[in-house]
């Protein structure tokens, strides 16, 4: 049986590390994960010509729909068994100008009260669908999925330590998916000498060291973070 081929459009490379660890826990067969966005391109600050962050995801989506073929028939993407588009749910509180996007769109911010978590994520998914010129998230091509950790993928990272280091993270658990300060908290959290964020900058090596913990504790993450459970179920539904 050949390896699954998965393409990932993400805000950044640390997100890739976390999502790949999650996929290793979810899937029962080997896969090859290819980062489609951000690109690696030193002349453009190591994020490619579209830039990084959610603005880069937006520009990737608009570039895809500008091609002459429908999204589902794009020959460059047809080789993949799954296409994942990642944007953290905190983007629902952003303005397009925050990512230097000035094309007249007014559907951001779309943030709703949290809890419940799902309302904001669904509103954001509707926005992401419009980035792809689709009427709704239900119109995504069959092998395309959204991945929207709330409020950020660091919720999944922190939740992976809930069993091992409960005193360190237990105060965050009741509302972890509605917390907009997780990156700040993680930067001050001495998790086994693994510095994930330093000086406001994410450290890829720190996330890579945490990847095995995320994979091993994935079921605990699913129990704690509703959108990780949603991601788990949707990946299984597409790939079996």
Protein backbone atom coordinates (compact mmCIF):
# COMPACT_ATOMS: atom_id res chain seq x y z
CA UNK A 1 0.00 0.00 0.00
CA UNK A 2 1.46 3.34 -1.02
CA UNK A 3 1.83 6.22 1.39
CA UNK A 4 -0.99 8.74 1.58
CA UNK A 5 -0.14 12.10 0.08
CA UNK A 6 -1.36 15.09 2.08
CA UNK A 7 -0.95 18.72 1.11
CA UNK A 8 -1.02 21.36 3.86
CA UNK A 9 -1.77 25.07 3.56
CA UNK A 10 -0.95 26.57 6.96
CA UNK A 11 -0.22 29.80 8.74
CA UNK A 12 3.28 28.70 9.65
CA UNK A 13 5.80 25.90 10.00
CA UNK A 14 5.17 25.31 13.69
CA UNK A 15 1.53 24.67 12.81
CA UNK A 16 2.77 22.05 10.35
CA UNK A 17 4.63 20.28 13.17
CA UNK A 18 1.54 20.10 15.39
CA UNK A 19 -0.80 19.03 12.57
CA UNK A 20 1.62 16.36 11.40
CA UNK A 21 1.82 14.95 14.95
CA UNK A 22 -1.99 14.90 15.09
CA UNK A 23 -2.18 13.08 11.75
CA UNK A 24 0.29 10.45 12.95
CA UNK A 25 -2.07 9.76 15.85
CA UNK A 26 -5.19 9.74 13.68
CA UNK A 27 -4.06 7.69 10.69
CA UNK A 28 -3.19 4.02 10.70
CA UNK A 29 -1.04 4.14 7.58
CA UNK A 30 2.05 6.11 6.58
CA UNK A 31 1.72 9.43 4.82
CA UNK A 32 3.84 12.13 3.24
CA UNK A 33 2.94 15.66 4.32
CA UNK A 34 3.86 18.42 1.88
CA UNK A 35 3.74 22.04 3.02
CA UNK A 36 2.19 24.00 0.14
CA UNK A 37 2.02 27.30 2.04
CA UNK A 38 4.08 28.99 3.40
CA UNK A 39 6.80 28.28 0.90
CA UNK A 40 10.46 28.17 1.82
CA UNK A 41 12.09 31.04 -0.02
CA UNK A 42 14.94 32.98 1.55
CA UNK A 43 14.55 36.04 -0.74
CA UNK A 44 11.04 36.49 0.67
CA UNK A 45 11.88 36.07 4.34
CA UNK A 46 11.56 32.26 4.35
CA UNK A 47 7.78 32.40 3.77
CA UNK A 48 7.59 32.65 -0.01
CA UNK A 49 6.15 35.44 -2.15
CA UNK A 50 2.70 35.20 -0.54
CA UNK A 51 4.13 35.71 2.94
CA UNK A 52 3.28 33.73 6.03
CA UNK A 53 0.45 33.79 8.54
CA UNK A 54 -3.23 33.76 7.70
CA UNK A 55 -2.64 36.42 5.06
CA UNK A 56 -0.46 33.94 3.20
CA UNK A 57 -3.24 31.35 3.39
CA UNK A 58 -5.68 33.90 1.96
CA UNK A 59 -3.34 34.74 -0.93
CA UNK A 60 -2.77 31.04 -1.66
CA UNK A 61 -6.53 30.48 -1.86
CA UNK A 62 -7.04 33.45 -4.17
CA UNK A 63 -4.19 32.29 -6.38
CA UNK A 64 -5.76 28.83 -6.69
CA UNK A 65 -9.19 30.15 -7.67
CA UNK A 66 -7.62 32.53 -10.20
CA UNK A 67 -6.41 29.56 -12.24
CA UNK A 68 -8.48 28.61 -15.30
CA UNK A 69 -9.54 25.20 -13.92
CA UNK A 70 -11.97 24.60 -11.04
CA UNK A 71 -10.40 24.14 -7.61
CA UNK A 72 -11.28 20.44 -7.49
CA UNK A 73 -9.61 19.84 -10.87
CA UNK A 74 -6.38 21.73 -10.27
CA UNK A 75 -3.68 19.43 -11.73
CA UNK A 76 -1.05 20.54 -9.23
CA UNK A 77 -3.30 19.46 -6.35
CA UNK A 78 -4.96 16.40 -7.88
CA UNK A 79 -2.02 14.20 -6.85
CA UNK A 80 -2.87 14.61 -3.17
CA UNK A 81 -5.21 12.30 -1.28
CA UNK A 82 -6.08 15.13 1.10
CA UNK A 83 -5.69 18.92 1.10
CA UNK A 84 -5.76 20.61 4.52
CA UNK A 85 -6.29 24.34 4.91
CA UNK A 86 -5.29 25.52 8.38
CA UNK A 87 -6.24 28.85 9.93
CA UNK A 88 -6.49 29.33 13.70
CA UNK A 89 -9.86 30.48 15.00
CA UNK A 90 -8.37 33.70 16.40
CA UNK A 91 -8.37 34.98 12.80
CA UNK A 92 -12.12 35.44 13.23
CA UNK A 93 -11.26 38.50 15.32
CA UNK A 94 -8.93 40.03 12.73
CA UNK A 95 -9.39 42.66 10.04
CA UNK A 96 -8.07 42.15 6.52
CA UNK A 97 -5.89 45.23 6.94
CA UNK A 98 -4.03 43.36 9.71
CA UNK A 99 -2.57 41.14 6.96
CA UNK A 100 -2.16 43.98 4.43
CA UNK A 101 -5.12 42.70 2.40
CA UNK A 102 -7.05 45.53 0.78
CA UNK A 103 -9.55 44.15 -1.69
CA UNK A 104 -12.80 45.47 -0.23
CA UNK A 105 -13.82 42.37 1.70
CA UNK A 106 -15.85 43.03 4.85
CA UNK A 107 -16.54 39.54 6.25
CA UNK A 108 -13.81 39.81 8.88
CA UNK A 109 -13.99 40.10 11.80
CA UNK A 110 -16.64 37.39 12.25
CA UNK A 111 -15.91 36.45 15.87
CA UNK A 112 -18.88 35.40 18.04
CA UNK A 113 -19.11 34.88 21.82
CA UNK A 114 -17.01 31.97 23.09
CA UNK A 115 -18.20 29.62 24.46
CA UNK A 116 -19.63 28.04 22.46
CA UNK A 117 -16.48 27.44 20.43
CA UNK A 118 -18.25 26.08 17.36
CA UNK A 119 -20.11 29.28 16.49
CA UNK A 120 -16.95 31.27 15.77
CA UNK A 121 -15.28 28.35 13.97
CA UNK A 122 -18.30 27.86 11.71
CA UNK A 123 -18.41 31.59 10.95
CA UNK A 124 -14.70 31.49 10.09
CA UNK A 125 -15.18 28.45 7.87
CA UNK A 126 -17.80 30.36 5.94
CA UNK A 127 -15.24 33.12 5.36
CA UNK A 128 -12.58 30.61 4.29
CA UNK A 129 -15.04 29.12 1.82
CA UNK A 130 -15.47 32.52 0.22
CA UNK A 131 -11.70 32.79 -0.13
CA UNK A 132 -12.08 29.75 -2.41
CA UNK A 133 -15.16 31.22 -4.15
CA UNK A 134 -17.36 28.50 -2.66
CA UNK A 135 -20.87 29.14 -1.28
CA UNK A 136 -20.19 27.32 2.01
CA UNK A 137 -17.84 24.94 3.80
CA UNK A 138 -20.15 22.14 2.71
CA UNK A 139 -19.13 22.82 -0.88
CA UNK A 140 -15.44 21.99 -0.32
CA UNK A 141 -14.17 19.34 -2.75
CA UNK A 142 -14.44 15.87 -1.25
CA UNK A 143 -10.77 15.53 -0.31
CA UNK A 144 -10.35 19.06 1.07
CA UNK A 145 -10.70 19.85 4.77
CA UNK A 146 -10.42 22.86 7.03
CA UNK A 147 -8.34 22.65 10.22
CA UNK A 148 -9.27 25.37 12.71
CA UNK A 149 -7.86 25.01 16.23
CA UNK A 150 -9.49 27.38 18.71
CA UNK A 151 -8.31 29.91 19.48
CA UNK A 152 -4.90 28.72 18.30
CA UNK A 153 -3.04 25.48 17.73
CA UNK A 154 -1.14 26.06 20.99
CA UNK A 155 -4.31 24.86 22.76
CA UNK A 156 -3.54 21.40 21.39
CA UNK A 157 0.07 21.66 22.52
CA UNK A 158 -0.84 22.67 26.06
CA UNK A 159 -3.63 20.08 26.34
CA UNK A 160 -1.11 17.34 25.54
CA UNK A 161 0.50 18.00 28.94
CA UNK A 162 -2.73 17.86 30.94
CA UNK A 163 -2.04 14.36 32.29
CA UNK A 164 1.72 14.72 32.82
CA UNK A 165 1.87 18.24 34.25
CA UNK A 166 -1.60 18.97 35.63
CA UNK A 167 -0.47 21.65 38.09
CA UNK A 168 1.16 23.57 35.25
CA UNK A 169 -1.84 23.67 32.93
CA UNK A 170 -4.98 22.78 34.88
CA UNK A 171 -6.12 26.39 35.33
CA UNK A 172 -6.28 26.76 31.53
CA UNK A 173 -8.38 23.68 30.81
CA UNK A 174 -11.94 24.89 31.47
CA UNK A 175 -11.77 27.62 28.81
CA UNK A 176 -8.66 26.75 26.82
CA UNK A 177 -10.41 27.00 23.43
CA UNK A 178 -11.63 30.52 24.20
CA UNK A 179 -8.29 31.80 25.49
CA UNK A 180 -6.52 34.40 23.34
CA UNK A 181 -3.38 34.45 25.51
CA UNK A 182 -2.09 30.92 25.09
CA UNK A 183 1.02 31.91 23.18
CA UNK A 184 1.99 34.29 25.97
CA UNK A 185 1.34 31.58 28.55
CA UNK A 186 3.33 29.01 26.61
CA UNK A 187 6.31 31.37 26.36
CA UNK A 188 6.50 31.34 30.18
CA UNK A 189 5.80 27.64 30.63
CA UNK A 190 8.92 25.56 31.39
CA UNK A 191 7.76 22.30 29.82
CA UNK A 192 10.68 19.93 30.41
CA UNK A 193 13.15 22.58 29.29
CA UNK A 194 11.49 22.73 25.88
CA UNK A 195 11.26 26.38 24.99
CA UNK A 196 8.52 26.63 22.37
CA UNK A 197 8.19 30.42 22.30
CA UNK A 198 10.92 32.87 23.23
CA UNK A 199 10.73 36.63 22.96
CA UNK A 200 7.39 36.35 21.17
CA UNK A 201 8.90 34.15 18.45
CA UNK A 202 7.98 30.51 17.94
CA UNK A 203 10.92 28.11 17.92
CA UNK A 204 10.52 25.30 15.42
CA UNK A 205 12.93 23.03 17.31
CA UNK A 206 10.86 23.36 20.47
CA UNK A 207 7.70 22.36 18.63
CA UNK A 208 9.46 19.41 17.02
CA UNK A 209 10.53 18.17 20.45
CA UNK A 210 6.92 18.45 21.64
CA UNK A 211 5.56 16.55 18.62
CA UNK A 212 5.93 13.10 20.19
CA UNK A 213 3.98 14.28 23.23
CA UNK A 214 1.19 15.60 21.02
CA UNK A 215 1.00 12.31 19.13
CA UNK A 216 1.06 10.18 22.28
CA UNK A 217 -1.58 12.27 24.09
CA UNK A 218 -3.84 12.91 21.09
CA UNK A 219 -6.89 11.28 22.70
CA UNK A 220 -6.48 13.54 25.72
CA UNK A 221 -6.31 16.53 23.38
CA UNK A 222 -9.51 15.35 21.68
CA UNK A 223 -11.26 15.12 25.05
CA UNK A 224 -10.13 18.63 26.00
CA UNK A 225 -10.34 20.53 22.70
CA UNK A 226 -13.54 20.13 20.72
CA UNK A 227 -12.02 21.29 17.44
CA UNK A 228 -9.29 18.66 17.63
CA UNK A 229 -12.06 16.07 17.90
CA UNK A 230 -13.77 17.63 14.91
CA UNK A 231 -10.52 17.47 12.94
CA UNK A 232 -10.00 13.85 14.00
CA UNK A 233 -13.46 12.84 12.84
CA UNK A 234 -13.31 14.71 9.55
CA UNK A 235 -9.90 13.26 8.60
CA UNK A 236 -11.16 9.74 9.34
CA UNK A 237 -14.32 10.37 7.34
CA UNK A 238 -12.28 11.33 4.25
CA UNK A 239 -9.43 8.85 4.53
CA UNK A 240 -11.05 6.00 6.42
